[in-house]
Amino acid sequence: MPHHFTTTELEAYLDEALPAESMAAVETELRASSELAGQLAQLNAQRDAGIHSLGAIWRHYRLTCPTRPELGSYLLGVLPAEMARYVAFHLDDVGCRACRASVDDLSRQQAEAATESGRRQRRYFQSSAGLLRK
């Protein structure tokens, strides 16, 4: 049975802003439905003509996305509780792929920084071994 996608869902699909599962559902339906392909072509034509809804503008400029510093603070656990709940909702429930990519990148950077810090501490300790008197 074909799924009927809303215009908002199709616009988010064109922006690659849907969660991966939803993107896959649209792509699967797109392969089987020339009607859906026509809807997407019409949406693209409207975009090319400069016709945008308020929602499309918000999605395009990611006005509801937390900033990268806010995402970093979220990972460190130092955001105020209300903002932390919003970021968790944005990442987990909304499934924002752009913010998820930023969080993954920040997590990787934190892990690399922790590893480098540990190496530096060991080098300092090893370079001073035997030089300190008891």
Protein backbone atom coordinates (compact mmCIF):
# COMPACT_ATOMS: atom_id res chain seq x y z
CA MET A 1 0.00 0.00 0.00
CA PRO A 2 1.52 3.35 -1.02
CA HIS A 3 2.32 5.91 1.64
CA HIS A 4 1.05 9.42 1.01
CA PHE A 5 3.71 11.93 1.99
CA THR A 6 2.90 15.47 2.99
CA THR A 7 4.37 18.42 1.14
CA THR A 8 6.43 19.17 4.25
CA GLU A 9 7.88 15.64 4.22
CA LEU A 10 8.70 15.90 0.52
CA GLU A 11 10.36 19.29 0.97
CA ALA A 12 12.40 17.85 3.85
CA TYR A 13 13.30 14.92 1.59
CA LEU A 14 14.59 17.34 -1.06
CA ASP A 15 16.63 19.10 1.63
CA GLU A 16 17.91 15.71 2.87
CA ALA A 17 16.56 16.68 6.28
CA LEU A 18 14.49 13.60 7.09
CA PRO A 19 15.71 10.83 9.38
CA ALA A 20 17.40 8.03 7.43
CA GLU A 21 14.40 5.68 7.78
CA SER A 22 12.03 8.29 6.36
CA MET A 23 14.43 9.09 3.52
CA ALA A 24 14.51 5.40 2.64
CA ALA A 25 10.69 5.20 2.72
CA VAL A 26 10.39 8.12 0.28
CA GLU A 27 13.02 6.63 -2.02
CA THR A 28 11.32 3.24 -2.02
CA GLU A 29 7.97 4.82 -2.85
CA LEU A 30 9.59 7.05 -5.46
CA ARG A 31 10.84 4.01 -7.39
CA ALA A 32 7.30 2.65 -7.63
CA SER A 33 5.26 5.81 -8.11
CA SER A 34 5.38 8.13 -11.10
CA GLU A 35 2.81 10.28 -9.27
CA LEU A 36 5.28 10.88 -6.43
CA ALA A 37 8.03 11.63 -8.93
CA GLY A 38 5.72 14.24 -10.47
CA GLN A 39 5.03 15.80 -7.06
CA LEU A 40 8.76 16.09 -6.38
CA ALA A 41 9.37 17.58 -9.82
CA GLN A 42 6.63 20.14 -9.17
CA LEU A 43 8.15 21.05 -5.78
CA ASN A 44 11.55 21.49 -7.42
CA ALA A 45 10.04 23.70 -10.11
CA GLN A 46 8.41 25.88 -7.43
CA ARG A 47 11.73 26.17 -5.62
CA ASP A 48 13.50 27.10 -8.84
CA ALA A 49 10.87 29.78 -9.43
CA GLY A 50 11.56 31.20 -5.96
CA ILE A 51 8.28 30.12 -4.39
CA HIS A 52 9.00 29.18 -0.77
CA SER A 53 6.82 28.61 2.24
CA LEU A 54 7.72 29.99 5.65
CA GLY A 55 8.37 26.43 6.83
CA ALA A 56 10.71 25.80 3.92
CA ILE A 57 12.69 28.91 4.80
CA TRP A 58 12.95 27.81 8.44
CA ARG A 59 14.15 24.36 7.39
CA HIS A 60 16.60 25.70 4.81
CA TYR A 61 18.28 28.05 7.27
CA ARG A 62 17.96 25.49 10.10
CA LEU A 63 16.47 28.11 12.44
CA THR A 64 15.43 25.49 14.99
CA CYS A 65 18.83 23.81 15.14
CA PRO A 66 21.05 24.33 18.18
CA THR A 67 24.36 26.04 17.45
CA ARG A 68 27.57 24.01 17.37
CA PRO A 69 28.71 25.50 20.72
CA GLU A 70 25.35 24.49 22.22
CA LEU A 71 25.80 20.96 20.87
CA GLY A 72 29.29 20.86 22.41
CA SER A 73 27.91 22.06 25.74
CA TYR A 74 25.23 19.37 25.48
CA LEU A 75 27.92 16.70 25.08
CA LEU A 76 29.78 18.08 28.08
CA GLY A 77 26.56 18.06 30.12
CA VAL A 78 26.73 21.76 30.99
CA LEU A 79 23.59 23.06 29.26
CA PRO A 80 20.68 24.26 31.38
CA ALA A 81 18.14 21.44 31.83
CA GLU A 82 15.50 22.96 29.55
CA MET A 83 17.96 23.48 26.69
CA ALA A 84 19.43 20.00 27.19
CA ARG A 85 15.92 18.53 26.86
CA TYR A 86 15.39 20.51 23.66
CA VAL A 87 18.69 19.34 22.16
CA ALA A 88 17.88 15.72 23.07
CA PHE A 89 14.43 16.12 21.46
CA HIS A 90 15.97 17.71 18.36
CA LEU A 91 18.52 14.92 17.97
CA ASP A 92 16.43 11.91 19.01
CA ASP A 93 12.83 12.73 18.11
CA VAL A 94 13.19 15.17 15.23
CA GLY A 95 16.22 13.22 13.98
CA CYS A 96 18.06 16.22 12.54
CA ARG A 97 20.82 14.70 10.45
CA ALA A 98 22.90 17.89 10.29
CA CYS A 99 22.96 18.23 14.07
CA ARG A 100 23.61 14.50 14.49
CA ALA A 101 26.62 14.85 12.18
CA SER A 102 27.89 17.79 14.26
CA VAL A 103 27.44 15.82 17.49
CA ASP A 104 29.29 12.85 16.01
CA ASP A 105 32.12 15.14 14.87
CA LEU A 106 32.33 16.85 18.27
CA SER A 107 32.35 13.46 20.04
CA ARG A 108 35.21 12.31 17.83
CA GLN A 109 37.13 15.52 18.54
CA GLN A 110 36.59 15.10 22.30
CA ALA A 111 37.89 11.53 22.15
CA GLU A 112 40.96 12.59 20.16
CA ALA A 113 41.67 15.47 22.56
CA ALA A 114 41.41 13.14 25.57
CA THR A 115 43.79 10.66 23.95
CA GLU A 116 46.29 13.40 23.06
CA SER A 117 46.10 14.85 26.57
CA GLY A 118 46.89 11.43 28.06
CA ARG A 119 49.87 11.02 25.72
CA ARG A 120 51.18 14.45 26.62
CA GLN A 121 50.91 13.72 30.35
CA ARG A 122 52.82 10.44 29.93
CA ARG A 123 55.57 12.18 27.92
CA TYR A 124 55.97 14.86 30.59
CA PHE A 125 56.14 12.27 33.33
CA GLN A 126 58.62 10.08 31.40
CA SER A 127 60.83 13.05 30.53
CA SER A 128 61.09 14.06 34.19
CA ALA A 129 61.53 10.51 35.57
CA GLY A 130 64.78 10.28 37.53
CA LEU A 131 65.16 14.06 37.71
CA LEU A 132 63.01 14.51 40.76
CA ARG A 133 64.60 13.75 44.12
CA LYS A 134 62.78 11.93 46.84
